[in-house]
Amino acid sequence: LTTVKKLRGLLDAEAGDKILDSMLATAASTGDVNLSAYANSMNLEVFVFFQQWKEAIELVEKAGDVRLFIVSTYTATRYTLLEALTHLKAAQLASGWKKRQ
């Protein structure tokens, strides 16, 4: 929903980030690992959709193995694809950096 609102110009970037950050804070305060996993999954999806690769790779590294806590097979598969795409793009960016040196 935040992605659609960002695309339509109804929601600025900071407001969408605050919503996801508040979900992560709630998950941390209550100890709900499932909510944390789903919030990280949604956040990764937004980063990949807007091609924010540095933020996406930081999230993947910080979140750890989210698939352990995702119950739905569809969501776990989607997260795996997004994570793989993030790693591929990070590798492409790194190899381009090495070529420029």
Protein backbone atom coordinates (compact mmCIF):
# COMPACT_ATOMS: atom_id res chain seq x y z
CA LEU A 1 0.00 0.00 0.00
CA THR A 2 2.83 2.40 0.78
CA THR A 3 4.37 1.66 -2.62
CA VAL A 4 1.15 2.55 -4.41
CA LYS A 5 0.79 5.71 -2.35
CA LYS A 6 4.38 6.71 -3.15
CA LEU A 7 3.79 6.16 -6.85
CA ARG A 8 0.61 8.21 -6.85
CA GLY A 9 2.30 11.00 -4.90
CA LEU A 10 -0.06 10.66 -1.95
CA LEU A 11 2.66 9.69 0.50
CA ASP A 12 6.12 11.11 0.85
CA ALA A 13 9.10 8.81 1.35
CA GLU A 14 9.61 9.67 5.01
CA ALA A 15 6.00 8.91 5.94
CA GLY A 16 6.19 5.46 4.36
CA ASP A 17 9.47 4.77 6.13
CA LYS A 18 7.97 5.91 9.44
CA ILE A 19 5.09 3.46 9.04
CA LEU A 20 7.44 0.53 8.47
CA ASP A 21 9.78 1.71 11.24
CA SER A 22 6.87 1.90 13.67
CA MET A 23 5.89 -1.66 12.71
CA LEU A 24 9.45 -2.82 13.41
CA ALA A 25 9.51 -0.93 16.73
CA THR A 26 6.22 -2.53 17.75
CA ALA A 27 7.55 -5.95 16.79
CA ALA A 28 10.72 -5.38 18.80
CA SER A 29 8.87 -4.13 21.88
CA THR A 30 6.43 -7.04 21.88
CA GLY A 31 8.98 -9.65 20.81
CA ASP A 32 6.87 -10.63 17.80
CA VAL A 33 9.35 -12.15 15.34
CA ASN A 34 6.62 -12.86 12.78
CA LEU A 35 5.62 -9.20 12.57
CA SER A 36 9.28 -8.24 12.31
CA ALA A 37 9.80 -10.73 9.48
CA TYR A 38 6.78 -9.46 7.55
CA ALA A 39 7.77 -5.81 8.08
CA ASN A 40 11.30 -6.52 6.84
CA SER A 41 9.82 -8.34 3.85
CA MET A 42 7.59 -5.38 2.98
CA ASN A 43 10.46 -2.95 3.48
CA LEU A 44 12.71 -5.00 1.18
CA GLU A 45 9.98 -5.04 -1.45
CA VAL A 46 9.73 -1.24 -1.36
CA PHE A 47 13.52 -0.87 -1.62
CA VAL A 48 13.71 -3.24 -4.60
CA PHE A 49 10.73 -1.62 -6.31
CA PHE A 50 12.35 1.81 -6.10
CA GLN A 51 15.82 0.38 -6.89
CA GLN A 52 17.38 1.49 -3.63
CA TRP A 53 20.00 -1.27 -3.71
CA LYS A 54 22.29 -0.02 -0.95
CA GLU A 55 19.42 0.23 1.51
CA ALA A 56 18.12 -3.15 0.39
CA ILE A 57 21.44 -4.92 0.97
CA GLU A 58 21.77 -3.26 4.39
CA LEU A 59 18.29 -4.51 5.28
CA VAL A 60 19.04 -8.05 4.11
CA GLU A 61 22.23 -8.13 6.17
CA LYS A 62 20.55 -6.63 9.24
CA ALA A 63 17.40 -8.75 9.10
CA GLY A 64 19.16 -12.11 8.99
CA ASP A 65 17.27 -15.22 7.88
CA VAL A 66 13.71 -13.91 7.74
CA ARG A 67 12.38 -17.05 6.04
CA LEU A 68 12.54 -18.93 9.35
CA PHE A 69 9.68 -16.83 10.71
CA ILE A 70 7.52 -16.38 7.61
CA VAL A 71 4.67 -18.87 7.69
CA SER A 72 3.32 -18.36 4.17
CA THR A 73 5.09 -20.20 1.36
CA TYR A 74 4.28 -17.41 -1.10
CA THR A 75 5.80 -14.72 1.11
CA ALA A 76 8.90 -16.80 1.81
CA THR A 77 9.39 -17.44 -1.91
CA ARG A 78 8.86 -13.77 -2.71
CA TYR A 79 11.39 -12.76 -0.05
CA THR A 80 13.90 -15.27 -1.45
CA LEU A 81 13.52 -13.80 -4.95
CA LEU A 82 13.86 -10.24 -3.67
CA GLU A 83 16.89 -11.19 -1.60
CA ALA A 84 18.53 -12.89 -4.60
CA LEU A 85 17.83 -9.87 -6.80
CA THR A 86 19.32 -7.60 -4.15
CA HIS A 87 22.49 -9.68 -3.98
CA LEU A 88 22.77 -9.76 -7.79
CA LYS A 89 22.42 -5.99 -8.03
CA ALA A 90 24.93 -5.49 -5.21
CA ALA A 91 27.40 -7.72 -7.07
CA GLN A 92 26.83 -5.77 -10.28
CA LEU A 93 27.42 -2.49 -8.50
CA ALA A 94 30.58 -3.83 -6.87
CA SER A 95 32.00 -5.19 -10.13
CA GLY A 96 31.31 -1.85 -11.83
CA TRP A 97 33.15 -0.11 -9.04
CA LYS A 98 36.16 -2.41 -9.51
CA LYS A 99 36.24 -1.71 -13.25
CA ARG A 100 36.37 2.05 -12.66
CA GLN A 101 39.45 1.83 -10.43
